[in-house]
Every structure is written in structure tokens, then in C-alpha cells.
């Protein structure tokens, strides 16, 4: 909760600072901030995916179990 409040205060301050700059410079700066956040998010998701693949069973085992289930049910 504390970090959310601090983030909101910093974002508001950054917005006020961006309003004071020229539009082109402020737009480039804002684009750089948003782009950096998106790229950081993608890297974090990739890291989470690598850690989760260790916990998830092998896909071949899942496919084999599904095929076995379909054979038992008599479906094609």
C-alpha cells in the first residue's frame, strides 16, 4: 500500500514536470518512459515463464494422457 501511494505521488510529479517542457521533448520523454516500462514487463514475463516451465509437466505427458483418456472414452 505504501509503494502504491509513493508511485502515485511520483507519477503525479512526473506529469507536472512533463507539462512544463516543450511538447515534443515531453512526448519523447513520456514515450521513453512508457516504452521502457513495457520492455521491462516483457522481460519479467519471460523470466516468470522460464521459472514456471520447471514446475509444469512435460507437454508430451499431457498429450499422452489426453490421448489415453480419449481412447478410454471411445472418442476419436
Protein backbone atom coordinates (compact mmCIF):
# COMPACT_ATOMS: atom_id res chain seq x y z
CA UNK A 1 0.00 0.00 0.00
CA UNK A 2 2.88 2.33 0.82
CA UNK A 3 4.60 1.65 -2.52
CA UNK A 4 1.38 2.32 -4.42
CA UNK A 5 1.00 5.70 -2.73
CA UNK A 6 4.63 6.60 -3.42
CA UNK A 7 4.21 5.56 -7.05
CA UNK A 8 1.11 7.73 -7.39
CA UNK A 9 2.91 10.75 -5.91
CA UNK A 10 5.94 10.23 -8.19
CA UNK A 11 3.71 9.77 -11.27
CA UNK A 12 1.86 12.97 -10.45
CA UNK A 13 5.14 14.83 -10.02
CA UNK A 14 6.42 13.45 -13.30
CA UNK A 15 3.21 14.56 -15.01
CA UNK A 16 3.60 18.08 -13.67
CA UNK A 17 7.23 18.17 -14.83
CA UNK A 18 6.27 16.90 -18.30
CA UNK A 19 3.65 19.65 -18.64
CA UNK A 20 6.39 22.26 -18.09
CA UNK A 21 8.52 21.01 -21.01
CA UNK A 22 8.02 21.67 -24.68
CA UNK A 23 5.50 19.27 -26.26
CA UNK A 24 7.98 17.41 -28.48
CA UNK A 25 10.54 16.88 -25.72
CA UNK A 26 7.85 15.91 -23.21
CA UNK A 27 6.34 13.47 -25.73
CA UNK A 28 9.68 11.82 -26.38
CA UNK A 29 10.39 11.57 -22.67
CA UNK A 30 6.95 10.12 -21.94
CA UNK A 31 7.31 7.66 -24.83
CA UNK A 32 10.70 6.56 -23.48
CA UNK A 33 9.25 6.00 -20.01
CA UNK A 34 6.25 4.02 -21.27
CA UNK A 35 8.38 2.03 -23.72
CA UNK A 36 10.90 1.21 -21.00
CA UNK A 37 8.13 0.01 -18.69
CA UNK A 38 6.68 -2.20 -21.42
CA UNK A 39 10.05 -3.74 -22.26
CA UNK A 40 10.77 -4.33 -18.57
CA UNK A 41 7.38 -6.02 -18.23
CA UNK A 42 8.13 -8.29 -21.19
CA UNK A 43 11.46 -9.31 -19.70
CA UNK A 44 9.81 -10.03 -16.33
CA UNK A 45 7.13 -12.15 -18.03
CA UNK A 46 9.84 -14.08 -19.87
CA UNK A 47 11.64 -14.70 -16.58
CA UNK A 48 8.40 -15.88 -14.95
CA UNK A 49 7.75 -18.17 -17.94
CA UNK A 50 11.19 -19.76 -17.59
CA UNK A 51 10.61 -20.41 -13.89
CA UNK A 52 7.13 -21.85 -14.49
CA UNK A 53 8.28 -24.25 -17.19
CA UNK A 54 10.23 -26.05 -14.49
CA UNK A 55 7.03 -26.60 -12.50
CA UNK A 56 4.77 -27.60 -15.40
CA UNK A 57 4.93 -31.22 -16.54
CA UNK A 58 6.27 -32.10 -19.94
CA UNK A 59 3.80 -31.37 -22.75
CA UNK A 60 4.28 -34.83 -24.21
CA UNK A 61 2.99 -36.38 -20.99
CA UNK A 62 -0.08 -34.18 -21.12
CA UNK A 63 -0.76 -35.12 -24.74
CA UNK A 64 -0.30 -38.82 -23.94
CA UNK A 65 -2.70 -38.58 -21.01
CA UNK A 66 -5.28 -36.85 -23.19
CA UNK A 67 -4.94 -39.47 -25.93
CA UNK A 68 -5.33 -42.23 -23.32
CA UNK A 69 -8.44 -40.51 -21.98
CA UNK A 70 -9.93 -40.23 -25.48
CA UNK A 71 -9.23 -43.94 -26.11
CA UNK A 72 -10.91 -44.93 -22.86
CA UNK A 73 -13.96 -42.85 -23.69
CA UNK A 74 -14.13 -44.33 -27.19
CA UNK A 75 -13.93 -40.96 -28.92
CA UNK A 76 -11.79 -40.19 -31.92
